[in-house]
Amino acid sequence: MTSFAFTAFLLLLVLFALPLLLGFLSGRAYRAGRGRVAFGLLLFGGFVGLLARPRPLGLLLLALGLAWGYAAPRRPRGA
């Protein structure tokens, strides 16, 4: 059986990692020309970013992931 502290730690880890991941995927989708997908990912990332307890931290992680995904170098097709 897992303890309550371990379960709470995993939940907090997901709440902090999810805005970063969704922001990254949103930036990549926008750069690939999929604006509607990027907007949906950004909306859900904003919702999850607001669920993270220190609210500015969740939104900061979302913005960091968005910048990281948009600025990440793209691989050429076929490589």
Protein backbone atom coordinates (compact mmCIF):
# COMPACT_ATOMS: atom_id res chain seq x y z
CA MET A 1 0.00 0.00 0.00
CA THR A 2 1.25 3.44 -0.80
CA SER A 3 1.20 6.04 1.88
CA PHE A 4 -0.85 9.21 1.71
CA ALA A 5 2.30 11.34 1.54
CA PHE A 6 3.56 9.46 -1.51
CA THR A 7 0.19 9.79 -3.25
CA ALA A 8 0.06 13.51 -2.46
CA PHE A 9 3.62 13.92 -3.77
CA LEU A 10 2.70 12.24 -7.06
CA LEU A 11 -0.38 14.43 -7.41
CA LEU A 12 1.66 17.60 -6.82
CA LEU A 13 4.29 16.43 -9.30
CA VAL A 14 1.61 15.92 -11.95
CA LEU A 15 0.03 19.30 -11.19
CA PHE A 16 3.38 21.03 -11.70
CA ALA A 17 4.58 18.99 -14.68
CA LEU A 18 1.34 19.08 -16.66
CA PRO A 19 1.25 22.84 -17.38
CA LEU A 20 4.87 22.68 -18.55
CA LEU A 21 4.15 19.72 -20.83
CA LEU A 22 0.92 21.19 -22.21
CA GLY A 23 2.64 24.52 -22.85
CA PHE A 24 5.44 22.73 -24.70
CA LEU A 25 2.99 20.76 -26.84
CA SER A 26 0.96 23.91 -27.52
CA GLY A 27 4.05 25.77 -28.72
CA ARG A 28 5.02 22.89 -31.00
CA ALA A 29 1.50 22.64 -32.41
CA TYR A 30 1.32 26.38 -33.08
CA ARG A 31 4.67 26.31 -34.83
CA ALA A 32 3.51 23.38 -36.95
CA GLY A 33 0.51 25.39 -38.14
CA ARG A 34 -2.14 23.70 -36.00
CA GLY A 35 -3.64 26.75 -34.35
CA ARG A 36 -6.83 25.16 -33.05
CA VAL A 37 -4.94 22.31 -31.43
CA ALA A 38 -2.49 24.76 -29.89
CA PHE A 39 -5.33 26.89 -28.53
CA GLY A 40 -7.03 23.87 -26.96
CA LEU A 41 -3.81 22.71 -25.34
CA LEU A 42 -3.16 26.24 -24.10
CA LEU A 43 -6.66 26.50 -22.58
CA PHE A 44 -6.34 23.18 -20.77
CA GLY A 45 -2.82 24.07 -19.65
CA GLY A 46 -4.13 27.35 -18.26
CA PHE A 47 -6.85 25.49 -16.38
CA VAL A 48 -4.35 23.05 -14.89
CA GLY A 49 -1.95 25.94 -14.20
CA LEU A 50 -4.66 27.61 -12.15
CA LEU A 51 -5.16 24.41 -10.15
CA ALA A 52 -1.54 24.43 -8.96
CA ARG A 53 -1.58 26.03 -5.54
CA PRO A 54 0.87 28.90 -5.92
CA ARG A 55 -1.07 30.23 -8.91
CA PRO A 56 1.70 32.34 -10.43
CA LEU A 57 3.98 29.28 -10.44
CA GLY A 58 1.53 27.16 -12.46
CA LEU A 59 1.02 29.91 -15.02
CA LEU A 60 4.77 30.60 -15.11
CA LEU A 61 5.41 26.93 -15.89
CA LEU A 62 2.79 27.11 -18.65
CA ALA A 63 4.49 30.17 -20.17
CA LEU A 64 7.91 28.54 -19.83
CA GLY A 65 6.68 25.41 -21.62
CA LEU A 66 5.06 27.52 -24.34
CA ALA A 67 8.29 29.43 -24.97
CA TRP A 68 10.32 26.22 -24.86
CA GLY A 69 8.03 24.48 -27.34
CA TYR A 70 7.90 27.42 -29.73
CA ALA A 71 11.66 28.01 -29.69
CA ALA A 72 12.67 24.34 -29.89
CA PRO A 73 14.45 23.52 -33.14
CA ARG A 74 12.43 21.44 -35.55
CA ARG A 75 13.83 18.40 -37.24
CA PRO A 76 13.69 18.45 -41.02
CA ARG A 77 11.10 16.14 -42.53
CA GLY A 78 12.38 12.73 -43.43
CA ALA A 79 15.26 12.83 -40.95
